[in-house]
């Protein structure tokens, strides 16, 4: 791995356009960082959360906005090798991160076994999110930052249509249902390929999922969508960006029905929907 100074310089110079600029774009467009915020950055040990941590460090260094940032990492049951690898990366990248234990892998496996499910990943994700919310609120944080990037948004949008029969996407920020905290996704406009380039350039070897249950297997449906998008990009390099644009350009006059909260509304109904700027 390159030195902390070299890593930070590459973020400021070589990868500024591909990483720091879209990071700032998302923060400004969706008003993610405000005066007085206490932001917990969730660090999984993967490439996305490591980049997110360095971006927040750079933001803290240059920003005029007064906010606090905390780096937290849950050990859900990593192997000794994975845990030591993560600790080494954090130290060598200059990320002061609090690691706490919460045996999510084992709990997710037991719950999946009880339900005869062969897919513990969904259960694991929910348990991890709840654990991170709890930890963040215990630190007095009002926001939790996750490392989902543009490819995650595009893939989720496609999966909802092709496998779930509905159109929905991964939101850049949202209020937690059961916690007084807001979730933000500052990598919303950053492409995964550029994160990989940053990692390779700086010789950072981040771990993947680290799950002892799924053994690093990518969810099959998401893998299929990744492959589909990659094949479409061979013919049209901008296909991913246009899918991304579609989530901002839903024309309700040209669809048969839509849902708002618990209500399903048909375009052929006589209806009036009033939504103010706060979405109430």
Protein backbone atom coordinates (compact mmCIF):
# COMPACT_ATOMS: atom_id res chain seq x y z
CA UNK A 1 0.00 0.00 0.00
CA UNK A 2 1.13 3.52 -0.75
CA UNK A 3 1.65 6.05 2.03
CA UNK A 4 -1.21 8.05 3.54
CA UNK A 5 0.17 11.18 1.88
CA UNK A 6 0.23 9.51 -1.55
CA UNK A 7 -3.30 8.12 -1.13
CA UNK A 8 -4.68 11.51 -0.13
CA UNK A 9 -2.81 13.28 -2.92
CA UNK A 10 -4.27 10.89 -5.50
CA UNK A 11 -7.75 11.70 -4.20
CA UNK A 12 -7.06 15.43 -4.44
CA UNK A 13 -5.39 15.30 -7.87
CA UNK A 14 -5.52 12.17 -10.04
CA UNK A 15 -9.01 11.00 -9.03
CA UNK A 16 -10.58 14.34 -8.16
CA UNK A 17 -12.89 14.39 -11.19
CA UNK A 18 -14.01 10.76 -10.85
CA UNK A 19 -14.34 10.59 -7.06
CA UNK A 20 -14.21 13.83 -5.05
CA UNK A 21 -16.26 15.95 -7.48
CA UNK A 22 -19.25 13.55 -7.68
CA UNK A 23 -19.02 13.08 -3.90
CA UNK A 24 -19.43 16.83 -3.40
CA UNK A 25 -22.16 16.88 -6.07
CA UNK A 26 -24.25 14.38 -4.11
CA UNK A 27 -23.66 16.16 -0.79
CA UNK A 28 -24.84 19.48 -2.23
CA UNK A 29 -27.74 18.21 -4.35
CA UNK A 30 -29.29 16.23 -1.52
CA UNK A 31 -28.16 18.49 1.34
CA UNK A 32 -26.44 15.60 3.12
CA UNK A 33 -24.06 17.52 5.39
CA UNK A 34 -25.32 20.42 7.48
CA UNK A 35 -24.03 22.65 10.24
CA UNK A 36 -23.79 20.78 13.53
CA UNK A 37 -24.17 17.30 12.05
CA UNK A 38 -22.66 14.31 13.80
CA UNK A 39 -22.07 11.76 11.04
CA UNK A 40 -21.19 8.11 11.60
CA UNK A 41 -19.45 6.56 8.59
CA UNK A 42 -20.04 2.80 8.43
CA UNK A 43 -16.79 1.02 7.57
CA UNK A 44 -17.19 -2.58 6.42
CA UNK A 45 -13.58 -2.99 5.35
CA UNK A 46 -14.52 -3.13 1.67
CA UNK A 47 -13.31 -0.79 -1.05
CA UNK A 48 -16.41 1.42 -1.02
CA UNK A 49 -16.44 2.22 2.70
CA UNK A 50 -12.66 2.77 2.77
CA UNK A 51 -12.99 5.32 -0.03
CA UNK A 52 -15.98 6.93 1.71
CA UNK A 53 -13.87 7.33 4.85
CA UNK A 54 -11.05 9.09 2.97
CA UNK A 55 -13.54 11.36 1.20
CA UNK A 56 -15.03 12.43 4.53
CA UNK A 57 -11.57 13.08 5.93
CA UNK A 58 -10.82 15.33 2.97
CA UNK A 59 -14.19 17.07 3.33
CA UNK A 60 -13.55 17.69 7.02
CA UNK A 61 -10.15 19.18 6.15
CA UNK A 62 -11.46 21.73 3.65
CA UNK A 63 -15.10 22.34 4.59
CA UNK A 64 -16.41 25.57 6.09
CA UNK A 65 -19.36 23.63 7.51
CA UNK A 66 -18.93 22.72 11.16
CA UNK A 67 -19.69 19.00 11.50
CA UNK A 68 -18.23 15.98 13.27
CA UNK A 69 -17.44 12.62 11.69
CA UNK A 70 -17.00 9.25 13.39
CA UNK A 71 -15.81 6.05 11.74
CA UNK A 72 -17.46 2.89 13.07
CA UNK A 73 -17.03 -0.72 12.03
CA UNK A 74 -19.05 -3.68 13.19
CA UNK A 75 -17.28 -7.02 13.41
CA UNK A 76 -20.15 -9.37 12.51
CA UNK A 77 -18.01 -12.47 12.91
CA UNK A 78 -15.08 -11.97 10.52
CA UNK A 79 -12.35 -14.56 10.34
CA UNK A 80 -9.13 -13.63 12.12
CA UNK A 81 -7.45 -13.09 8.76
CA UNK A 82 -10.16 -10.74 7.47
CA UNK A 83 -10.29 -8.79 10.72
CA UNK A 84 -6.52 -8.30 10.80
CA UNK A 85 -6.55 -7.27 7.13
CA UNK A 86 -9.19 -4.64 7.84
CA UNK A 87 -7.31 -3.31 10.89
CA UNK A 88 -4.12 -3.11 8.84
CA UNK A 89 -5.84 -1.19 6.03
CA UNK A 90 -7.44 1.24 8.48
CA UNK A 91 -4.11 1.93 10.18
CA UNK A 92 -2.15 2.30 6.95
CA UNK A 93 -4.81 4.61 5.47
CA UNK A 94 -4.93 6.81 8.57
CA UNK A 95 -8.55 6.04 9.45
CA UNK A 96 -9.24 6.16 13.19
CA UNK A 97 -12.11 3.69 13.38
CA UNK A 98 -13.93 2.17 16.34
CA UNK A 99 -14.48 -1.56 15.81
CA UNK A 100 -17.15 -3.26 17.91
CA UNK A 101 -18.39 -6.86 17.98
CA UNK A 102 -21.90 -7.98 17.06
CA UNK A 103 -22.23 -11.59 15.97
CA UNK A 104 -24.55 -10.90 13.04
CA UNK A 105 -23.26 -13.69 10.77
CA UNK A 106 -24.22 -16.40 13.26
CA UNK A 107 -27.62 -14.85 14.02
CA UNK A 108 -28.43 -14.41 10.30
CA UNK A 109 -27.51 -18.03 9.60
CA UNK A 110 -29.67 -19.33 12.45
CA UNK A 111 -32.65 -17.22 11.34
CA UNK A 112 -32.22 -18.35 7.73
CA UNK A 113 -32.01 -21.99 8.81
CA UNK A 114 -35.21 -21.63 10.83
CA UNK A 115 -36.95 -20.26 7.73
CA UNK A 116 -35.35 -22.86 5.44
CA UNK A 117 -33.88 -20.02 3.40
CA UNK A 118 -30.80 -20.46 1.25
CA UNK A 119 -30.25 -16.69 1.14
CA UNK A 120 -28.98 -15.35 4.47
CA UNK A 121 -27.65 -12.16 2.83
CA UNK A 122 -30.94 -10.23 3.06
CA UNK A 123 -31.35 -11.08 6.73
CA UNK A 124 -27.70 -10.25 7.41
CA UNK A 125 -28.04 -6.84 5.72
CA UNK A 126 -31.04 -5.93 7.87
CA UNK A 127 -29.33 -7.04 11.07
CA UNK A 128 -26.17 -5.12 10.20
CA UNK A 129 -28.14 -1.97 9.42
CA UNK A 130 -29.97 -2.16 12.75
CA UNK A 131 -26.71 -2.68 14.61
CA UNK A 132 -25.10 0.31 12.91
CA UNK A 133 -28.13 2.52 13.66
CA UNK A 134 -27.90 1.52 17.32
CA UNK A 135 -24.17 2.23 17.50
CA UNK A 136 -24.46 5.55 15.67
CA UNK A 137 -27.26 6.81 17.92
CA UNK A 138 -25.27 5.76 21.01
CA UNK A 139 -22.54 8.14 19.81
CA UNK A 140 -25.06 10.95 19.48
CA UNK A 141 -24.96 10.89 15.68
CA UNK A 142 -27.89 12.15 13.64
CA UNK A 143 -26.69 10.65 10.34
CA UNK A 144 -25.26 7.33 9.17
CA UNK A 145 -23.26 7.31 5.92
CA UNK A 146 -23.13 4.10 3.85
CA UNK A 147 -20.90 3.27 0.89
CA UNK A 148 -23.48 2.42 -1.79
CA UNK A 149 -22.34 3.77 -5.16
CA UNK A 150 -23.93 4.53 -8.53
CA UNK A 151 -23.70 0.93 -9.74
CA UNK A 152 -25.64 -0.20 -6.66
CA UNK A 153 -28.36 2.35 -7.48
CA UNK A 154 -28.60 1.25 -11.13
CA UNK A 155 -28.60 -2.45 -10.27
CA UNK A 156 -31.27 -2.01 -7.59
CA UNK A 157 -33.46 -0.10 -10.05
CA UNK A 158 -33.13 -2.84 -12.67
CA UNK A 159 -33.72 -5.61 -10.13
CA UNK A 160 -36.94 -3.99 -8.94
CA UNK A 161 -38.33 -4.00 -12.49
CA UNK A 162 -37.10 -7.36 -13.74
CA UNK A 163 -37.50 -9.46 -10.60
CA UNK A 164 -40.07 -7.64 -8.45
CA UNK A 165 -42.43 -6.12 -11.04
CA UNK A 166 -42.18 -2.56 -9.77
CA UNK A 167 -40.12 0.59 -10.32
CA UNK A 168 -38.18 1.81 -7.32
CA UNK A 169 -34.63 2.77 -6.59
CA UNK A 170 -32.04 3.22 -3.84
CA UNK A 171 -32.53 6.68 -2.35
CA UNK A 172 -29.59 9.01 -1.65
CA UNK A 173 -30.99 9.76 1.81
CA UNK A 174 -33.89 8.63 3.94
CA UNK A 175 -35.15 8.68 7.51
CA UNK A 176 -34.75 5.45 9.46
CA UNK A 177 -38.06 3.82 10.41
CA UNK A 178 -37.26 2.87 13.98
CA UNK A 179 -34.38 5.21 14.84
CA UNK A 180 -34.05 8.98 15.11
CA UNK A 181 -31.36 9.08 12.45
CA UNK A 182 -30.99 9.78 8.74
CA UNK A 183 -29.21 7.44 6.34
CA UNK A 184 -27.13 9.08 3.59
CA UNK A 185 -25.34 7.63 0.55
CA UNK A 186 -22.64 10.14 -0.50
CA UNK A 187 -21.20 7.84 -3.22
CA UNK A 188 -24.52 8.09 -5.10
CA UNK A 189 -22.87 9.51 -8.26
CA UNK A 190 -19.59 7.57 -8.13
CA UNK A 191 -19.06 4.66 -10.52
CA UNK A 192 -17.68 1.42 -9.14
CA UNK A 193 -15.03 1.15 -11.85
CA UNK A 194 -13.43 4.37 -10.60
CA UNK A 195 -13.37 3.10 -7.02
CA UNK A 196 -11.56 0.00 -8.28
CA UNK A 197 -9.08 2.18 -10.18
CA UNK A 198 -8.39 4.21 -7.02
CA UNK A 199 -7.80 1.04 -4.99
CA UNK A 200 -5.50 -0.48 -7.61
CA UNK A 201 -3.52 2.74 -8.05
CA UNK A 202 -2.88 2.99 -4.31
CA UNK A 203 -2.24 -0.74 -3.90
CA UNK A 204 -5.05 -1.11 -1.35
CA UNK A 205 -6.28 -4.69 -1.02
CA UNK A 206 -9.71 -4.41 0.57
CA UNK A 207 -11.72 -7.46 1.52
CA UNK A 208 -15.02 -8.40 -0.09
CA UNK A 209 -18.05 -9.32 1.99
CA UNK A 210 -16.00 -11.24 4.55
CA UNK A 211 -19.02 -13.41 5.31
CA UNK A 212 -18.25 -16.84 6.73
CA UNK A 213 -21.74 -18.04 5.76
CA UNK A 214 -22.01 -17.02 2.09
CA UNK A 215 -18.26 -17.37 1.48
CA UNK A 216 -18.13 -14.19 -0.60
CA UNK A 217 -20.75 -15.35 -3.12
CA UNK A 218 -22.43 -12.41 -4.82
CA UNK A 219 -26.23 -12.51 -4.67
CA UNK A 220 -27.22 -14.41 -7.84
CA UNK A 221 -29.85 -11.93 -9.06
CA UNK A 222 -27.54 -8.96 -8.56
CA UNK A 223 -24.77 -10.81 -10.38
CA UNK A 224 -27.14 -11.44 -13.31
CA UNK A 225 -28.01 -7.75 -13.45
CA UNK A 226 -24.32 -6.77 -13.32
CA UNK A 227 -23.65 -9.04 -16.28
CA UNK A 228 -26.68 -7.71 -18.18
CA UNK A 229 -25.62 -4.09 -17.71
CA UNK A 230 -22.05 -4.93 -18.72
CA UNK A 231 -23.30 -6.53 -21.94
CA UNK A 232 -25.46 -3.48 -22.70
CA UNK A 233 -22.51 -1.18 -22.08
CA UNK A 234 -20.55 -2.97 -24.80
CA UNK A 235 -23.02 -1.47 -27.29
CA UNK A 236 -23.74 1.78 -25.46
CA UNK A 237 -21.22 3.08 -22.93
CA UNK A 238 -23.74 5.55 -21.50
CA UNK A 239 -26.48 3.02 -20.75
CA UNK A 240 -25.78 3.06 -17.00
CA UNK A 241 -26.01 6.85 -16.84
CA UNK A 242 -29.35 6.80 -18.67
CA UNK A 243 -30.78 4.21 -16.28
CA UNK A 244 -29.62 6.53 -13.50
CA UNK A 245 -31.33 9.49 -15.18
CA UNK A 246 -34.60 7.55 -15.40
CA UNK A 247 -35.08 7.63 -11.62
CA UNK A 248 -35.23 11.45 -11.85
CA UNK A 249 -37.59 11.51 -14.86
CA UNK A 250 -40.66 9.44 -14.00
CA UNK A 251 -43.61 10.93 -15.93
CA UNK A 252 -46.73 9.92 -13.99
CA UNK A 253 -48.91 11.01 -16.94
CA UNK A 254 -47.47 8.13 -18.96
CA UNK A 255 -47.82 5.30 -16.42
CA UNK A 256 -50.92 3.33 -15.41
CA UNK A 257 -50.57 3.61 -11.66
CA UNK A 258 -48.23 4.62 -8.88
CA UNK A 259 -47.97 4.18 -5.13
CA UNK A 260 -47.59 6.90 -2.54
CA UNK A 261 -47.04 5.52 0.94
CA UNK A 262 -49.88 2.98 1.35
CA UNK A 263 -52.10 4.32 -1.42
CA UNK A 264 -52.15 2.97 -4.98
CA UNK A 265 -53.42 5.53 -7.45
CA UNK A 266 -54.51 4.86 -11.03
CA UNK A 267 -54.09 7.53 -13.68
CA UNK A 268 -57.70 6.84 -14.67
CA UNK A 269 -59.04 7.67 -11.22
CA UNK A 270 -60.37 11.10 -10.41
CA UNK A 271 -57.78 12.17 -7.90
CA UNK A 272 -55.88 15.09 -6.52
CA UNK A 273 -52.49 14.57 -4.98
CA UNK A 274 -50.88 17.44 -3.14
CA UNK A 275 -47.30 16.89 -2.05
CA UNK A 276 -45.45 19.80 -0.53
CA UNK A 277 -41.70 20.27 -0.64
CA UNK A 278 -41.23 18.18 2.51
CA UNK A 279 -43.06 15.25 0.91
CA UNK A 280 -45.91 15.36 3.46
